[in-house]
């Protein structure tokens, strides 16, 4: 597994996960890093028995600069000049351009836009009041010449902050959670949808995680579900949900996104996926899985008594809710 530095979102999640006392293996699986990486991160940045994400991020940045300092950042005169201009609300690009005009031919008094940004980001760690001078409130930019943005690539997402508050209560039929299960070696997938109140499961096989295939499958899978039994759908940030507008129209409900690395915001779906895994273990390829085989497993899950439903089955409770909906 290739190593990548922790992002601020990952550190925020790690802080929450440690408070919840999740085990290292579970955290590693959710974040997508090796468990030893999680262990080292927690050990290195824990102070007085607590891991604080913001403090860990600050220490990481400081270590990075200490191991690879930028030569020009040792030029105190230049750095003071940059900060003075920045406090006057000059942008890093404007500062870089103006330095060349004010000090023609004096390369020791020049700085690139990228260097200025890096210096100012470091300054903000110890002087938070400098944030107000960034045009976007210190909104981090993508690295220059980076291939593509690996996050935030789903346009027009609506996060669960805007989801109706009643959904949190699990008191009504029609609030669903959705996800996909990956087969061993990324061979085949299963799309899963579970109703938050009744725990009723709908699932269908997918040859790939292609967005349009998922939408087409959802439209067919929800055809037998009455209109009033689909109100909202909460999904994760996988690219297979990029066509969320079409997905919403296909199932007849509004689609909302959980926050990245906040799997507990779809806790029922994660738990239900675990039940599905009983029949289709993690390393098992799913590219040969048939709908008949999957339907058999889903039927068993939906007809299993659940303690949280007072030992009724999801199918029984779902049918009761449908009957109440139609009367």
Protein backbone atom coordinates (compact mmCIF):
# COMPACT_ATOMS: atom_id res chain seq x y z
CA UNK A 1 0.00 0.00 0.00
CA UNK A 2 1.63 3.31 -1.10
CA UNK A 3 2.31 5.86 1.63
CA UNK A 4 0.60 9.25 1.54
CA UNK A 5 0.79 12.03 4.11
CA UNK A 6 -2.26 12.47 6.33
CA UNK A 7 -4.66 15.19 5.23
CA UNK A 8 -6.48 17.48 7.67
CA UNK A 9 -9.75 15.58 7.01
CA UNK A 10 -8.05 12.27 7.83
CA UNK A 11 -6.63 13.68 11.06
CA UNK A 12 -10.07 15.02 12.02
CA UNK A 13 -11.53 11.57 11.46
CA UNK A 14 -8.69 9.89 13.40
CA UNK A 15 -9.37 12.16 16.38
CA UNK A 16 -13.06 11.19 16.37
CA UNK A 17 -12.28 7.51 15.84
CA UNK A 18 -9.85 7.41 18.78
CA UNK A 19 -12.41 9.09 21.02
CA UNK A 20 -14.91 6.42 19.93
CA UNK A 21 -12.22 3.80 20.71
CA UNK A 22 -12.37 2.20 17.27
CA UNK A 23 -9.64 -0.38 16.77
CA UNK A 24 -6.64 0.40 14.55
CA UNK A 25 -7.64 -2.12 11.87
CA UNK A 26 -11.08 -0.53 11.44
CA UNK A 27 -9.63 2.98 11.26
CA UNK A 28 -7.04 1.85 8.71
CA UNK A 29 -9.73 0.25 6.54
CA UNK A 30 -11.90 3.36 6.54
CA UNK A 31 -9.07 5.83 5.84
CA UNK A 32 -7.30 3.53 3.38
CA UNK A 33 -3.91 3.37 5.10
CA UNK A 34 -1.89 0.59 6.68
CA UNK A 35 -2.64 -0.05 10.35
CA UNK A 36 1.02 0.60 11.24
CA UNK A 37 0.68 4.07 9.70
CA UNK A 38 -2.33 4.76 11.92
CA UNK A 39 -0.44 3.50 14.97
CA UNK A 40 2.62 5.69 14.29
CA UNK A 41 0.50 8.77 13.61
CA UNK A 42 -1.42 8.36 16.86
CA UNK A 43 1.72 7.62 18.92
CA UNK A 44 3.76 10.47 17.43
CA UNK A 45 1.09 13.13 17.92
CA UNK A 46 -0.58 12.12 21.18
CA UNK A 47 -0.02 14.56 24.05
CA UNK A 48 -1.09 13.83 27.62
CA UNK A 49 -3.08 10.85 26.43
CA UNK A 50 -5.06 12.79 23.80
CA UNK A 51 -4.76 13.02 20.03
CA UNK A 52 -5.81 16.49 18.79
CA UNK A 53 -6.11 16.80 15.00
CA UNK A 54 -5.19 20.50 14.76
CA UNK A 55 -2.13 20.02 16.96
CA UNK A 56 -1.07 16.96 14.96
CA UNK A 57 -1.36 18.91 11.71
CA UNK A 58 0.76 21.75 13.10
CA UNK A 59 3.46 19.37 14.30
CA UNK A 60 3.49 17.55 10.94
CA UNK A 61 3.98 20.79 9.00
CA UNK A 62 6.74 21.89 11.36
CA UNK A 63 8.54 18.57 10.94
CA UNK A 64 8.26 18.79 7.18
CA UNK A 65 9.80 22.23 7.05
CA UNK A 66 12.50 21.27 9.53
CA UNK A 67 13.62 18.32 7.39
CA UNK A 68 13.55 20.26 4.13
CA UNK A 69 13.90 23.99 4.75
CA UNK A 70 13.59 26.38 1.82
CA UNK A 71 16.77 28.46 1.38
CA UNK A 72 15.05 31.79 0.79
CA UNK A 73 12.93 31.41 3.89
CA UNK A 74 16.16 31.90 5.81
CA UNK A 75 16.38 35.42 4.35
CA UNK A 76 14.82 37.37 7.24
CA UNK A 77 14.77 40.67 5.37
CA UNK A 78 12.86 39.15 2.47
CA UNK A 79 10.44 37.29 4.72
CA UNK A 80 9.67 40.38 6.81
CA UNK A 81 9.06 42.35 3.61
CA UNK A 82 6.64 39.67 2.37
CA UNK A 83 4.71 39.63 5.63
CA UNK A 84 4.54 43.46 5.71
CA UNK A 85 3.04 43.55 2.22
CA UNK A 86 0.69 40.65 3.01
CA UNK A 87 -0.72 42.49 6.03
CA UNK A 88 -1.59 45.29 3.62
CA UNK A 89 -3.79 42.73 1.83
CA UNK A 90 -1.47 42.22 -1.11
CA UNK A 91 -1.96 38.73 -2.58
CA UNK A 92 1.07 36.39 -2.88
CA UNK A 93 0.97 36.84 -6.66
CA UNK A 94 0.95 40.63 -6.32
CA UNK A 95 3.82 40.49 -3.82
CA UNK A 96 5.92 38.31 -6.12
CA UNK A 97 5.35 40.65 -9.06
CA UNK A 98 5.98 43.82 -7.08
CA UNK A 99 9.23 42.56 -5.59
CA UNK A 100 10.68 42.27 -9.09
CA UNK A 101 9.73 45.89 -9.81
CA UNK A 102 10.98 47.29 -6.50
CA UNK A 103 14.26 45.35 -6.56
CA UNK A 104 15.25 44.88 -10.22
CA UNK A 105 18.16 42.49 -10.65
CA UNK A 106 18.31 41.64 -6.92
CA UNK A 107 17.33 37.99 -6.94
CA UNK A 108 17.88 37.67 -3.22
CA UNK A 109 14.92 40.05 -2.78
CA UNK A 110 12.65 38.12 -5.19
CA UNK A 111 10.35 35.20 -4.34
CA UNK A 112 8.02 33.02 -6.35
CA UNK A 113 4.29 32.98 -5.69
CA UNK A 114 4.52 29.37 -4.54
CA UNK A 115 7.29 30.13 -2.03
CA UNK A 116 5.28 33.05 -0.63
CA UNK A 117 2.22 30.85 -0.17
CA UNK A 118 4.26 28.18 1.62
CA UNK A 119 5.84 30.75 3.90
CA UNK A 120 2.51 32.38 4.76
CA UNK A 121 0.82 29.04 5.44
CA UNK A 122 3.59 28.30 7.90
CA UNK A 123 3.21 31.71 9.53
CA UNK A 124 -0.51 31.14 10.06
CA UNK A 125 0.26 28.15 12.29
CA UNK A 126 1.73 30.48 14.92
CA UNK A 127 -0.13 33.66 13.94
CA UNK A 128 -3.75 32.67 13.18
CA UNK A 129 -4.76 36.33 12.89
CA UNK A 130 -3.01 36.40 9.50
CA UNK A 131 -5.79 34.27 8.02
CA UNK A 132 -7.99 37.31 7.44
CA UNK A 133 -5.54 38.60 4.83
CA UNK A 134 -6.03 35.61 2.54
CA UNK A 135 -8.57 36.34 -0.17
CA UNK A 136 -10.31 33.01 0.48
CA UNK A 137 -9.77 32.87 4.22
CA UNK A 138 -6.67 30.68 3.85
CA UNK A 139 -8.41 28.20 1.60
CA UNK A 140 -5.73 25.72 0.61
CA UNK A 141 -4.85 25.61 -3.07
CA UNK A 142 -4.13 22.48 -5.04
CA UNK A 143 -0.42 21.82 -5.46
CA UNK A 144 0.96 23.38 -8.59
CA UNK A 145 1.26 20.95 -11.51
CA UNK A 146 -0.56 18.23 -9.59
CA UNK A 147 -2.29 15.69 -11.81
CA UNK A 148 -5.88 16.04 -10.63
CA UNK A 149 -7.85 16.84 -7.56
CA UNK A 150 -8.60 13.56 -5.84
CA UNK A 151 -11.21 15.09 -3.55
CA UNK A 152 -14.26 17.24 -4.10
CA UNK A 153 -14.70 15.84 -7.62
CA UNK A 154 -18.46 15.31 -7.26
CA UNK A 155 -20.17 18.55 -8.32
CA UNK A 156 -23.22 20.05 -6.61
CA UNK A 157 -23.23 17.71 -3.62
CA UNK A 158 -25.70 18.39 -0.82
CA UNK A 159 -24.28 17.31 2.53
CA UNK A 160 -26.37 15.88 5.36
CA UNK A 161 -26.20 19.22 7.19
CA UNK A 162 -29.07 20.24 4.88
CA UNK A 163 -30.94 16.96 5.27
CA UNK A 164 -34.31 17.20 7.11
CA UNK A 165 -33.79 16.80 10.85
CA UNK A 166 -36.49 14.12 11.03
CA UNK A 167 -34.16 11.72 9.22
CA UNK A 168 -31.91 11.56 12.29
CA UNK A 169 -34.79 10.23 14.37
CA UNK A 170 -35.32 7.12 12.23
CA UNK A 171 -39.02 7.60 12.90
CA UNK A 172 -40.43 7.40 9.39
CA UNK A 173 -40.32 5.09 6.40
CA UNK A 174 -38.40 6.24 3.33
CA UNK A 175 -35.03 7.50 4.55
CA UNK A 176 -32.43 5.26 2.92
CA UNK A 177 -28.66 4.87 3.10
CA UNK A 178 -26.66 3.70 0.08
CA UNK A 179 -23.21 2.27 -0.62
CA UNK A 180 -21.30 -0.19 -2.79
CA UNK A 181 -19.42 -3.34 -1.75
CA UNK A 182 -16.22 -4.12 -3.64
CA UNK A 183 -15.30 -7.63 -4.70
CA UNK A 184 -11.86 -9.15 -4.22
CA UNK A 185 -9.31 -7.72 -6.64
CA UNK A 186 -11.88 -5.06 -7.56
CA UNK A 187 -13.74 -7.69 -9.56
CA UNK A 188 -17.43 -6.94 -9.38
CA UNK A 189 -19.49 -4.88 -6.94
CA UNK A 190 -22.77 -4.91 -5.04
CA UNK A 191 -24.94 -1.81 -4.62
CA UNK A 192 -26.75 -1.76 -1.27
CA UNK A 193 -29.60 0.42 -0.04
CA UNK A 194 -31.16 0.08 3.42
CA UNK A 195 -34.13 1.89 4.99
CA UNK A 196 -33.14 3.58 8.25
CA UNK A 197 -36.34 2.77 10.16
CA UNK A 198 -37.19 -0.76 9.03
CA UNK A 199 -33.64 -1.93 8.11
CA UNK A 200 -35.10 -3.37 4.91
CA UNK A 201 -32.34 -4.08 2.38
CA UNK A 202 -32.32 -3.69 -1.40
CA UNK A 203 -29.24 -4.84 -3.32
CA UNK A 204 -28.16 -5.66 -6.86
CA UNK A 205 -24.90 -6.75 -8.51
CA UNK A 206 -22.75 -4.37 -10.56
CA UNK A 207 -20.04 -5.39 -13.03
CA UNK A 208 -18.26 -2.05 -12.49
CA UNK A 209 -18.66 1.08 -10.37
CA UNK A 210 -19.73 3.06 -13.43
CA UNK A 211 -22.16 5.77 -12.37
CA UNK A 212 -24.76 5.19 -15.08
CA UNK A 213 -24.84 1.46 -14.35
CA UNK A 214 -25.54 2.18 -10.69
CA UNK A 215 -28.34 4.60 -11.59
CA UNK A 216 -29.91 2.17 -14.05
CA UNK A 217 -29.79 -0.61 -11.47
CA UNK A 218 -31.32 1.63 -8.79
CA UNK A 219 -34.18 2.62 -11.08
CA UNK A 220 -35.02 -1.04 -11.68
CA UNK A 221 -34.54 -2.05 -8.03
CA UNK A 222 -36.83 0.69 -6.68
CA UNK A 223 -39.61 0.15 -9.26
CA UNK A 224 -41.61 -1.96 -6.80
CA UNK A 225 -41.18 0.47 -3.92
CA UNK A 226 -44.18 2.84 -3.55
CA UNK A 227 -43.48 6.52 -4.08
CA UNK A 228 -44.11 7.51 -0.46
CA UNK A 229 -41.57 4.94 0.74
CA UNK A 230 -38.61 6.86 -0.70
CA UNK A 231 -37.93 10.32 0.67
CA UNK A 232 -34.16 10.68 1.10
CA UNK A 233 -30.99 8.74 0.31
CA UNK A 234 -27.69 9.32 2.13
CA UNK A 235 -24.53 8.06 0.40
CA UNK A 236 -20.76 8.31 0.76
CA UNK A 237 -18.43 10.29 -1.51
CA UNK A 238 -17.52 7.51 -3.92
CA UNK A 239 -17.34 8.57 -7.57
CA UNK A 240 -20.04 6.04 -8.41
CA UNK A 241 -22.49 8.54 -6.88
CA UNK A 242 -21.34 11.41 -9.11
CA UNK A 243 -24.64 11.31 -11.04
CA UNK A 244 -26.59 11.92 -7.85
CA UNK A 245 -29.19 14.08 -9.59
CA UNK A 246 -30.08 11.23 -11.95
CA UNK A 247 -29.98 8.79 -9.03
CA UNK A 248 -32.45 10.93 -7.10
CA UNK A 249 -34.83 10.99 -10.05
CA UNK A 250 -34.42 7.24 -10.54
CA UNK A 251 -35.50 6.35 -7.00
CA UNK A 252 -37.80 9.31 -6.40
CA UNK A 253 -36.00 10.91 -3.45
CA UNK A 254 -33.45 13.57 -2.52
CA UNK A 255 -29.79 12.50 -2.34
CA UNK A 256 -27.51 13.71 0.45
CA UNK A 257 -23.82 13.04 1.07
CA UNK A 258 -22.17 12.08 4.34
CA UNK A 259 -18.98 13.97 5.15
CA UNK A 260 -15.73 12.37 3.93
CA UNK A 261 -14.37 9.78 6.40
CA UNK A 262 -17.52 10.03 8.56
CA UNK A 263 -18.74 6.48 8.00
CA UNK A 264 -20.77 6.60 11.23
CA UNK A 265 -23.11 9.03 9.48
CA UNK A 266 -24.22 5.97 7.50
CA UNK A 267 -23.75 3.53 10.34
CA UNK A 268 -26.72 1.32 9.46
CA UNK A 269 -25.48 0.89 5.90
CA UNK A 270 -21.98 -0.04 7.11
CA UNK A 271 -23.48 -2.59 9.51
CA UNK A 272 -25.74 -4.03 6.81
CA UNK A 273 -22.79 -4.38 4.44
CA UNK A 274 -21.19 -6.48 7.14
CA UNK A 275 -24.24 -8.77 7.09
CA UNK A 276 -23.93 -9.10 3.32
CA UNK A 277 -20.26 -9.99 3.74
CA UNK A 278 -21.33 -13.09 5.67
CA UNK A 279 -22.42 -14.52 2.32
CA UNK A 280 -19.81 -12.82 0.13
CA UNK A 281 -16.52 -12.50 2.09
CA UNK A 282 -14.10 -9.65 1.44
CA UNK A 283 -11.58 -11.40 -0.80
CA UNK A 284 -14.27 -13.07 -2.88
CA UNK A 285 -14.50 -11.74 -6.46
CA UNK A 286 -18.03 -10.62 -7.31
CA UNK A 287 -17.78 -10.42 -11.09
CA UNK A 288 -19.53 -13.79 -11.48
CA UNK A 289 -22.19 -13.11 -8.85
CA UNK A 290 -25.69 -13.52 -10.26
CA UNK A 291 -28.80 -11.64 -9.25
CA UNK A 292 -30.42 -14.91 -8.15
CA UNK A 293 -27.54 -15.63 -5.75
CA UNK A 294 -27.61 -12.11 -4.34
CA UNK A 295 -31.41 -12.09 -4.01
CA UNK A 296 -31.19 -15.28 -1.97
CA UNK A 297 -28.78 -13.67 0.51
CA UNK A 298 -30.84 -10.45 0.69
CA UNK A 299 -33.98 -12.49 1.38
CA UNK A 300 -32.24 -14.23 4.29
CA UNK A 301 -31.13 -10.88 5.75
CA UNK A 302 -34.57 -9.29 5.38
CA UNK A 303 -36.22 -12.29 7.05
CA UNK A 304 -33.84 -12.40 10.00
CA UNK A 305 -35.31 -11.28 13.38
CA UNK A 306 -33.57 -8.16 14.68
CA UNK A 307 -33.26 -7.17 18.32
CA UNK A 308 -33.54 -3.48 17.39
CA UNK A 309 -36.93 -4.27 15.82
CA UNK A 310 -38.17 -6.14 18.90
CA UNK A 311 -37.25 -9.38 17.12
CA UNK A 312 -39.45 -8.68 14.14
CA UNK A 313 -37.86 -9.02 10.72
CA UNK A 314 -37.06 -6.06 8.44
CA UNK A 315 -39.52 -7.41 5.88
CA UNK A 316 -42.33 -7.61 8.45
CA UNK A 317 -41.74 -4.07 9.68
CA UNK A 318 -41.35 -2.75 6.13
CA UNK A 319 -44.65 -4.33 5.07
CA UNK A 320 -46.37 -2.91 8.16
CA UNK A 321 -45.12 0.55 7.28
CA UNK A 322 -46.24 0.16 3.68
CA UNK A 323 -49.71 -0.90 4.84
CA UNK A 324 -49.92 2.15 7.14
CA UNK A 325 -48.78 4.35 4.26
CA UNK A 326 -51.58 3.14 2.00
CA UNK A 327 -54.39 3.38 4.58
